[in-house]
N, C-alpha and C. Protein backbone atom coordinates (compact mmCIF):
# COMPACT_ATOMS: atom_id res chain seq x y z
N MET A 1 125.10 22.97 -56.98
CA MET A 1 125.24 24.12 -56.09
C MET A 1 126.66 24.23 -55.56
N LYS A 2 127.21 23.07 -55.18
CA LYS A 2 128.56 23.07 -54.63
C LYS A 2 129.58 23.54 -55.67
N ARG A 3 129.36 23.13 -56.94
CA ARG A 3 130.25 23.57 -58.02
C ARG A 3 130.21 25.10 -58.18
N ALA A 4 129.02 25.65 -58.11
CA ALA A 4 128.87 27.10 -58.28
C ALA A 4 129.61 27.86 -57.17
N VAL A 5 129.53 27.38 -55.96
CA VAL A 5 130.21 28.02 -54.83
C VAL A 5 131.72 27.93 -55.02
N VAL A 6 132.21 26.79 -55.44
CA VAL A 6 133.65 26.60 -55.67
C VAL A 6 134.11 27.54 -56.79
N LEU A 7 133.33 27.63 -57.84
CA LEU A 7 133.68 28.49 -58.97
C LEU A 7 133.73 29.96 -58.56
N VAL A 8 132.75 30.41 -57.78
CA VAL A 8 132.73 31.79 -57.30
C VAL A 8 133.92 32.07 -56.42
N LEU A 9 134.24 31.16 -55.51
CA LEU A 9 135.41 31.33 -54.64
C LEU A 9 136.70 31.38 -55.46
N ALA A 10 136.82 30.53 -56.46
CA ALA A 10 138.03 30.52 -57.30
C ALA A 10 138.18 31.86 -58.03
N VAL A 11 137.09 32.37 -58.57
CA VAL A 11 137.13 33.66 -59.27
C VAL A 11 137.52 34.77 -58.31
N LEU A 12 136.94 34.76 -57.12
CA LEU A 12 137.25 35.81 -56.14
C LEU A 12 138.71 35.74 -55.68
N LEU A 13 139.27 34.54 -55.59
CA LEU A 13 140.66 34.40 -55.20
C LEU A 13 141.62 34.80 -56.32
N LEU A 14 141.26 34.55 -57.56
CA LEU A 14 142.12 34.86 -58.70
C LEU A 14 141.97 36.28 -59.22
N LEU A 15 140.87 36.91 -58.92
CA LEU A 15 140.59 38.26 -59.45
C LEU A 15 141.68 39.26 -59.10
N PRO A 16 142.22 39.29 -57.87
CA PRO A 16 143.26 40.27 -57.58
C PRO A 16 144.54 40.05 -58.37
N LEU A 17 144.74 38.85 -58.92
CA LEU A 17 145.94 38.55 -59.70
C LEU A 17 145.83 39.03 -61.14
N ALA A 18 144.63 39.29 -61.60
CA ALA A 18 144.42 39.73 -62.98
C ALA A 18 144.89 41.19 -63.12
N THR A 19 145.58 41.46 -64.20
CA THR A 19 146.03 42.82 -64.46
C THR A 19 145.39 43.28 -65.77
N PRO A 20 144.27 43.98 -65.68
CA PRO A 20 143.59 44.42 -66.89
C PRO A 20 144.38 45.51 -67.61
N VAL A 21 144.23 45.55 -68.92
CA VAL A 21 144.83 46.60 -69.72
C VAL A 21 143.78 47.71 -69.86
N MET A 22 144.10 48.87 -69.34
CA MET A 22 143.14 49.98 -69.40
C MET A 22 143.80 51.18 -70.06
N ALA A 23 143.00 51.90 -70.83
CA ALA A 23 143.48 53.14 -71.42
C ALA A 23 143.61 54.17 -70.31
N GLN A 24 144.70 54.89 -70.32
CA GLN A 24 144.91 55.95 -69.34
C GLN A 24 145.05 57.27 -70.06
N CYS A 25 144.61 58.31 -69.41
CA CYS A 25 144.79 59.63 -69.98
C CYS A 25 146.29 59.92 -70.03
N PRO A 26 146.75 60.42 -71.17
CA PRO A 26 148.18 60.69 -71.27
C PRO A 26 148.60 61.83 -70.36
N SER A 27 149.66 61.61 -69.61
CA SER A 27 150.20 62.65 -68.73
C SER A 27 151.48 63.22 -69.28
N GLU A 28 152.01 62.60 -70.33
CA GLU A 28 153.19 63.11 -70.98
C GLU A 28 153.08 62.82 -72.46
N GLY A 29 154.02 63.31 -73.22
CA GLY A 29 153.96 63.14 -74.66
C GLY A 29 153.59 64.45 -75.33
N HIS A 30 153.29 64.35 -76.62
CA HIS A 30 152.96 65.55 -77.39
C HIS A 30 151.60 65.38 -78.04
N THR A 31 150.91 66.51 -78.16
CA THR A 31 149.57 66.53 -78.78
C THR A 31 149.57 67.51 -79.93
N VAL A 32 148.94 67.12 -81.03
CA VAL A 32 148.72 68.03 -82.15
C VAL A 32 147.25 67.97 -82.52
N ILE A 33 146.78 69.04 -83.12
CA ILE A 33 145.41 69.11 -83.61
C ILE A 33 145.45 69.32 -85.11
N MET A 34 144.80 68.41 -85.82
CA MET A 34 144.75 68.45 -87.27
C MET A 34 143.29 68.62 -87.71
N HIS A 35 143.09 69.18 -88.89
CA HIS A 35 141.76 69.32 -89.44
C HIS A 35 141.69 68.68 -90.82
N ALA A 36 140.55 68.09 -91.12
CA ALA A 36 140.33 67.46 -92.42
C ALA A 36 138.89 67.71 -92.87
N PRO A 37 138.69 67.82 -94.17
CA PRO A 37 137.31 67.96 -94.65
C PRO A 37 136.61 66.59 -94.64
N ALA A 38 135.31 66.62 -94.46
CA ALA A 38 134.51 65.39 -94.50
C ALA A 38 133.18 65.73 -95.16
N VAL A 39 132.43 64.71 -95.48
CA VAL A 39 131.12 64.90 -96.10
C VAL A 39 130.06 64.42 -95.14
N ALA A 40 129.03 65.24 -94.95
CA ALA A 40 127.92 64.87 -94.08
C ALA A 40 126.63 64.88 -94.89
N LYS A 41 125.68 64.08 -94.47
CA LYS A 41 124.37 64.06 -95.10
C LYS A 41 123.42 64.88 -94.26
N THR A 42 122.73 65.82 -94.88
CA THR A 42 121.77 66.64 -94.14
C THR A 42 120.48 65.83 -93.91
N SER A 43 119.56 66.40 -93.14
CA SER A 43 118.29 65.72 -92.87
C SER A 43 117.46 65.54 -94.14
N THR A 44 117.74 66.35 -95.15
CA THR A 44 117.00 66.21 -96.43
C THR A 44 117.73 65.29 -97.41
N GLY A 45 118.85 64.73 -96.98
CA GLY A 45 119.58 63.80 -97.82
C GLY A 45 120.65 64.43 -98.69
N GLU A 46 120.80 65.75 -98.59
CA GLU A 46 121.85 66.42 -99.38
C GLU A 46 123.21 66.23 -98.72
N LEU A 47 124.25 66.29 -99.52
CA LEU A 47 125.62 66.18 -99.01
C LEU A 47 126.19 67.56 -98.80
N THR A 48 126.90 67.73 -97.69
CA THR A 48 127.51 69.01 -97.38
C THR A 48 128.89 68.77 -96.75
N GLY A 49 129.76 69.74 -96.89
CA GLY A 49 131.09 69.62 -96.31
C GLY A 49 131.10 70.02 -94.85
N VAL A 50 131.87 69.29 -94.05
CA VAL A 50 132.05 69.63 -92.63
C VAL A 50 133.53 69.50 -92.29
N VAL A 51 133.94 70.18 -91.24
CA VAL A 51 135.32 70.10 -90.76
C VAL A 51 135.41 69.00 -89.71
N THR A 52 136.40 68.14 -89.85
CA THR A 52 136.67 67.10 -88.87
C THR A 52 137.93 67.49 -88.11
N GLU A 53 137.88 67.39 -86.79
CA GLU A 53 139.04 67.71 -85.97
C GLU A 53 139.64 66.44 -85.41
N PHE A 54 140.96 66.31 -85.52
CA PHE A 54 141.70 65.18 -84.98
C PHE A 54 142.62 65.71 -83.88
N VAL A 55 142.46 65.22 -82.66
CA VAL A 55 143.36 65.56 -81.58
C VAL A 55 144.19 64.30 -81.37
N ILE A 56 145.49 64.39 -81.66
CA ILE A 56 146.36 63.23 -81.66
C ILE A 56 147.45 63.42 -80.60
N THR A 57 147.55 62.46 -79.70
CA THR A 57 148.56 62.48 -78.65
C THR A 57 149.36 61.19 -78.72
N VAL A 58 150.68 61.33 -78.68
CA VAL A 58 151.56 60.17 -78.65
C VAL A 58 152.37 60.24 -77.36
N THR A 59 152.34 59.15 -76.59
CA THR A 59 153.03 59.07 -75.31
C THR A 59 153.86 57.80 -75.24
N PRO A 60 154.84 57.79 -74.35
CA PRO A 60 155.52 56.51 -74.11
C PRO A 60 154.47 55.48 -73.67
N GLY A 61 154.59 54.26 -74.10
CA GLY A 61 153.58 53.25 -73.75
C GLY A 61 153.97 51.89 -74.23
N SER A 62 152.96 51.11 -74.60
CA SER A 62 153.20 49.70 -74.96
C SER A 62 152.60 49.32 -76.31
N GLY A 63 152.44 50.27 -77.22
CA GLY A 63 152.02 49.96 -78.57
C GLY A 63 150.54 49.94 -78.83
N HIS A 64 149.75 50.55 -77.97
CA HIS A 64 148.31 50.58 -78.17
C HIS A 64 147.88 51.77 -79.00
N VAL A 65 146.79 51.62 -79.74
CA VAL A 65 146.17 52.72 -80.47
C VAL A 65 144.75 52.86 -79.95
N TYR A 66 144.46 54.01 -79.37
CA TYR A 66 143.13 54.29 -78.82
C TYR A 66 142.47 55.33 -79.69
N ILE A 67 141.21 55.10 -80.07
CA ILE A 67 140.50 56.05 -80.88
C ILE A 67 139.13 56.31 -80.29
N GLU A 68 138.81 57.59 -80.16
CA GLU A 68 137.49 58.00 -79.68
C GLU A 68 136.88 58.88 -80.75
N THR A 69 135.67 58.58 -81.14
CA THR A 69 135.03 59.35 -82.19
C THR A 69 133.71 59.93 -81.74
N TRP A 70 133.45 61.11 -82.19
CA TRP A 70 132.12 61.71 -82.05
C TRP A 70 131.88 62.45 -83.33
N PRO A 71 131.09 61.99 -84.15
CA PRO A 71 130.05 60.98 -83.97
C PRO A 71 130.62 59.57 -84.01
N LEU A 72 129.71 58.62 -84.19
CA LEU A 72 130.15 57.25 -84.35
C LEU A 72 131.01 57.13 -85.60
N ALA A 73 131.87 56.13 -85.62
CA ALA A 73 132.75 55.94 -86.77
C ALA A 73 132.49 54.58 -87.39
N GLN A 74 132.74 54.53 -88.69
CA GLN A 74 132.68 53.26 -89.38
C GLN A 74 133.94 52.48 -89.00
N VAL A 75 133.91 51.17 -89.23
CA VAL A 75 135.02 50.30 -88.83
C VAL A 75 136.32 50.72 -89.49
N ASP A 76 136.25 51.24 -90.72
CA ASP A 76 137.49 51.60 -91.42
C ASP A 76 138.27 52.71 -90.70
N MET A 77 137.63 53.46 -89.83
CA MET A 77 138.34 54.51 -89.08
C MET A 77 139.36 53.88 -88.13
N GLN A 78 139.00 52.78 -87.47
CA GLN A 78 139.95 52.09 -86.59
C GLN A 78 141.11 51.50 -87.39
N ALA A 79 140.79 50.91 -88.52
CA ALA A 79 141.85 50.35 -89.37
C ALA A 79 142.79 51.46 -89.86
N SER A 80 142.22 52.61 -90.21
CA SER A 80 143.05 53.73 -90.65
C SER A 80 143.96 54.21 -89.55
N ALA A 81 143.48 54.25 -88.31
CA ALA A 81 144.30 54.70 -87.17
C ALA A 81 145.46 53.75 -86.93
N ARG A 82 145.21 52.46 -86.99
CA ARG A 82 146.27 51.48 -86.78
C ARG A 82 147.29 51.51 -87.91
N LEU A 83 146.82 51.63 -89.13
CA LEU A 83 147.74 51.70 -90.27
C LEU A 83 148.56 52.99 -90.21
N ALA A 84 147.91 54.10 -89.85
CA ALA A 84 148.62 55.37 -89.74
C ALA A 84 149.74 55.29 -88.70
N THR A 85 149.50 54.59 -87.62
CA THR A 85 150.52 54.42 -86.58
C THR A 85 151.70 53.62 -87.12
N ARG A 86 151.41 52.55 -87.84
CA ARG A 86 152.51 51.73 -88.40
C ARG A 86 153.30 52.52 -89.44
N VAL A 87 152.60 53.25 -90.30
CA VAL A 87 153.29 54.01 -91.34
C VAL A 87 154.15 55.11 -90.73
N ALA A 88 153.63 55.83 -89.72
CA ALA A 88 154.40 56.88 -89.06
C ALA A 88 155.68 56.31 -88.46
N GLY A 89 155.57 55.14 -87.83
CA GLY A 89 156.74 54.50 -87.24
C GLY A 89 157.76 54.13 -88.30
N ARG A 90 157.30 53.62 -89.43
CA ARG A 90 158.21 53.24 -90.51
C ARG A 90 158.89 54.47 -91.13
N VAL A 91 158.12 55.51 -91.34
CA VAL A 91 158.69 56.73 -91.93
C VAL A 91 159.81 57.27 -91.06
N LEU A 92 159.60 57.25 -89.74
CA LEU A 92 160.58 57.82 -88.82
C LEU A 92 161.62 56.80 -88.33
N GLY A 93 161.43 55.54 -88.63
CA GLY A 93 162.32 54.50 -88.12
C GLY A 93 162.16 54.34 -86.62
N VAL A 94 160.93 54.47 -86.12
CA VAL A 94 160.62 54.40 -84.69
C VAL A 94 159.85 53.13 -84.41
N ASN A 95 160.20 52.44 -83.34
CA ASN A 95 159.50 51.24 -82.91
C ASN A 95 158.24 51.69 -82.16
N MET A 96 157.09 51.59 -82.81
CA MET A 96 155.84 52.08 -82.20
C MET A 96 155.34 51.20 -81.07
N SER A 97 155.98 50.07 -80.82
CA SER A 97 155.56 49.26 -79.67
C SER A 97 156.00 49.91 -78.35
N HIS A 98 156.75 51.00 -78.44
CA HIS A 98 157.18 51.75 -77.26
C HIS A 98 156.32 53.00 -77.02
N TYR A 99 155.24 53.15 -77.80
CA TYR A 99 154.39 54.35 -77.71
C TYR A 99 152.93 53.94 -77.73
N ASP A 100 152.11 54.75 -77.09
CA ASP A 100 150.66 54.65 -77.22
C ASP A 100 150.19 55.87 -77.99
N VAL A 101 149.20 55.65 -78.85
CA VAL A 101 148.65 56.71 -79.68
C VAL A 101 147.19 56.89 -79.31
N PHE A 102 146.82 58.12 -78.97
CA PHE A 102 145.45 58.48 -78.61
C PHE A 102 144.92 59.42 -79.68
N ILE A 103 143.82 59.05 -80.32
CA ILE A 103 143.25 59.87 -81.38
C ILE A 103 141.80 60.15 -81.04
N GLN A 104 141.45 61.44 -80.98
CA GLN A 104 140.07 61.86 -80.79
C GLN A 104 139.62 62.48 -82.12
N VAL A 105 138.49 62.02 -82.62
CA VAL A 105 137.95 62.52 -83.88
C VAL A 105 136.59 63.14 -83.61
N ARG A 106 136.42 64.39 -84.05
CA ARG A 106 135.15 65.10 -83.83
C ARG A 106 134.69 65.74 -85.14
N ALA A 107 133.42 65.56 -85.47
CA ALA A 107 132.84 66.18 -86.67
C ALA A 107 131.36 66.43 -86.42
N ASN A 108 130.81 67.41 -87.12
CA ASN A 108 129.40 67.75 -86.99
C ASN A 108 128.59 66.98 -88.03
N THR A 109 128.50 65.67 -87.83
CA THR A 109 127.75 64.77 -88.70
C THR A 109 127.33 63.58 -87.88
N SER A 110 126.42 62.78 -88.42
CA SER A 110 125.90 61.65 -87.63
C SER A 110 126.82 60.44 -87.62
N ILE A 111 127.62 60.26 -88.66
CA ILE A 111 128.58 59.14 -88.71
C ILE A 111 129.74 59.55 -89.60
N ILE A 112 130.90 59.07 -89.29
CA ILE A 112 132.08 59.42 -90.05
C ILE A 112 132.85 58.16 -90.41
N GLY A 113 133.50 58.18 -91.53
CA GLY A 113 134.27 57.03 -91.94
C GLY A 113 135.05 57.32 -93.20
N GLY A 114 135.72 56.33 -93.69
CA GLY A 114 136.50 56.49 -94.90
C GLY A 114 137.98 56.44 -94.62
N PRO A 115 138.72 55.85 -95.56
CA PRO A 115 140.17 55.68 -95.34
C PRO A 115 140.98 56.95 -95.52
N SER A 116 140.40 58.02 -96.08
CA SER A 116 141.18 59.22 -96.35
C SER A 116 141.71 59.85 -95.07
N ALA A 117 141.11 59.58 -93.95
CA ALA A 117 141.59 60.13 -92.68
C ALA A 117 142.95 59.57 -92.30
N GLY A 118 143.33 58.45 -92.88
CA GLY A 118 144.61 57.82 -92.54
C GLY A 118 145.78 58.72 -92.82
N GLY A 119 145.74 59.47 -93.90
CA GLY A 119 146.83 60.40 -94.22
C GLY A 119 146.96 61.50 -93.18
N THR A 120 145.84 62.06 -92.79
CA THR A 120 145.83 63.09 -91.77
C THR A 120 146.36 62.55 -90.46
N MET A 121 145.90 61.35 -90.08
CA MET A 121 146.37 60.76 -88.83
C MET A 121 147.86 60.46 -88.87
N THR A 122 148.37 59.98 -90.02
CA THR A 122 149.78 59.67 -90.15
C THR A 122 150.63 60.93 -89.92
N VAL A 123 150.27 62.01 -90.59
CA VAL A 123 151.01 63.27 -90.43
C VAL A 123 150.92 63.77 -89.00
N GLY A 124 149.74 63.64 -88.38
CA GLY A 124 149.57 64.05 -86.99
C GLY A 124 150.40 63.23 -86.03
N ILE A 125 150.49 61.93 -86.25
CA ILE A 125 151.30 61.06 -85.40
C ILE A 125 152.77 61.41 -85.54
N ILE A 126 153.22 61.62 -86.79
CA ILE A 126 154.62 62.01 -87.01
C ILE A 126 154.92 63.34 -86.29
N ALA A 127 154.02 64.32 -86.44
CA ALA A 127 154.22 65.62 -85.78
C ALA A 127 154.26 65.47 -84.26
N ALA A 128 153.36 64.63 -83.71
CA ALA A 128 153.34 64.44 -82.25
C ALA A 128 154.61 63.71 -81.77
N LEU A 129 155.07 62.73 -82.54
CA LEU A 129 156.30 62.03 -82.16
C LEU A 129 157.50 62.97 -82.15
N ARG A 130 157.54 63.89 -83.09
CA ARG A 130 158.67 64.81 -83.21
C ARG A 130 158.47 66.08 -82.37
N GLY A 131 157.27 66.30 -81.83
CA GLY A 131 157.02 67.51 -81.05
C GLY A 131 156.85 68.74 -81.93
N TRP A 132 156.48 68.54 -83.19
CA TRP A 132 156.28 69.64 -84.13
C TRP A 132 154.95 70.33 -83.91
N LYS A 133 154.90 71.60 -84.20
CA LYS A 133 153.63 72.33 -84.20
C LYS A 133 153.02 72.20 -85.59
N VAL A 134 151.70 72.18 -85.65
CA VAL A 134 150.99 72.05 -86.91
C VAL A 134 150.21 73.34 -87.14
N ASN A 135 150.25 73.85 -88.36
CA ASN A 135 149.52 75.07 -88.71
C ASN A 135 148.01 74.80 -88.57
N PRO A 136 147.32 75.49 -87.66
CA PRO A 136 145.89 75.23 -87.45
C PRO A 136 144.99 75.71 -88.58
N ASN A 137 145.56 76.46 -89.53
CA ASN A 137 144.77 76.98 -90.65
C ASN A 137 144.83 76.08 -91.87
N VAL A 138 145.45 74.92 -91.75
CA VAL A 138 145.60 74.02 -92.88
C VAL A 138 144.76 72.77 -92.66
N MET A 139 144.07 72.34 -93.71
CA MET A 139 143.33 71.07 -93.67
C MET A 139 144.02 70.12 -94.62
N MET A 140 143.88 68.85 -94.34
CA MET A 140 144.42 67.85 -95.30
C MET A 140 143.52 66.64 -95.34
N THR A 141 143.61 65.89 -96.42
CA THR A 141 142.89 64.63 -96.55
C THR A 141 143.71 63.71 -97.41
């Protein structure tokens, strides 16, 4: 019992010293919206094409890549986002450890995945880093 009380007190005393890393909504930087085709399975098991929207924001930061997906994403989507960030930095000669990348992925399907999104994310990150506008009528994969 005495150990538990000491442990709780130690945690309470050290807790204010901890500095958690939390994602913050970007207040500066550039945002681009990209579109890509994807494949969805209907309730009858048929495959159909759907549009996937990528909202990509790059801000000054500390090298984090944040990805939010709706619907759920397969693990390869996170890997694609991280690789896209590294490739964009290499293409531009930019040290990406000085930026945070926020990627929101939205599609009308139950789950999304696949590495082809990496190309779209790379172009979007480059455009956001440079402050370029992207033609909203173009899709890429």
